[in-house]
Each structure stands twice: as structure tokens, then as C-alpha cells.
Amino acid sequence: MIAQLSGDVISTGDRWVVIDIGGVGYQVQVTGPALETLREAQGRVTVHTHMVVRDDDIRLFGFLHQRERELFTILIGVSGIGPQTAMNILSGIAFEDFAVAILDGDEKTLTRIPGIGKKGAGRLILELKEKMKKHADILAAGRRPNEACDAASALISLGFSPQEAGEAVDAVLPGLPDANVQSLIRAALAYLRERRS
């Protein structure tokens, strides 16, 4: 199982990129937004991957964020949703908007995604509602102000879990209503230090 690739993007096409790793080019199917980001990337990139093996085919699907790969894995577990439809969903709607639509039973929002009809939207809501409730910490992150989201991302990149980072930022945010990203990170780190001591 290939779970991650790090290398240089050497070519791109219609929803795919080729990443060169030590002279070997790996073709990876990506979402529309990821393709735009990777086309403009300078130097080394890292893509989280999911490998799908069929009798006559092996494909790599790539994601810029681990939570997108997690959602992809959840989606292909829904009956009638294959890898291509899952990629259409990830290309057509932000993670937070998708999760909110599932939790609210909002078929209208889901049917705007290419390849998802009324029946498919109903199946997604039925099969994913409970799973989306488990991702409540990610949903909460989606509803935070941009500065708070950036601060939480910075904490995650420092090695804290998404849950720890989200809780820390949410804990300090009320006391710093007009804070910038740096002050939120400082306050959240102090909060985490106190909790661990």
C-alpha cells in the first residue's frame, strides 16, 4: 500500500499529476482544487495517497490533506460510490460544507455535486450521518474564523493532534476576539503547556 508520495511534480493533465521520486514517475489522480495547487507548486510536494487495486488496473488517488483522504475512504465505503464519484464529491464541495450537508440532511446541496442525484444524496445522508458526527472536531474547525483555523493548522504542523489543536484554539479564542494568528498560536501553546504540566 502506497500511503504517501513526496517528490517533484513533472507533469499534469486532466485531474492527474505525475510525481517524480528518485527517477520514477507516479501518476496520481487528484481533485480539481488539488490539481490547481500542485500545478503552481515549486519544488518538492507531499501527497497523501490511497491505492485502488482492481484485476486489470492499479490507481493512486492523491490528496493534499489527510482529512480529504479519510473522507475519500469513507465515501468509497458507501454502496454505489466508486473512486471517481468520490473524487467528484471532493472536487465539488469543501469538506466542512459536505459534512454539514450530511448532518443537516440537505439533499439540495448534495445534488449540486456532479454525478450525485436525489437517490445518491439520500443514500449518502443515510449511510454517513453517524460517521460525520464522529468528525465533529473537524466540523468545528470549519466554523472557526480564518485566523483560528490557521492557528490550529500551525499547531498540527508542530505535532499536536487535530483534536488537541482545535480544543486549544477554541479555549483561548473567547479571550482574544481580535487576535491575529501569531497571538492565537502563542496563547494556544501556553494553554497546552498548562494542561500537560
Foldseek 3Di string as FASTA:
>chain_A
DQFKDKAAFDDDDDQWTWGDDPNDTAIEGEAPVVRVVNVPDDTMAMWTWDWDDDPVDIHIYTDRDPVLVVQLVLQCVQPPGHNVNSSLQVNPDPPLVVLVCLQVVPLVVVCVRPPADSVNSNSCSVRCNVVSVVVVLVNVLVVDPPLLVVLLVVVVVVPDDSNLSSVLLVVCCVVCVPDGNVVSNVSSVVVVVVVVD
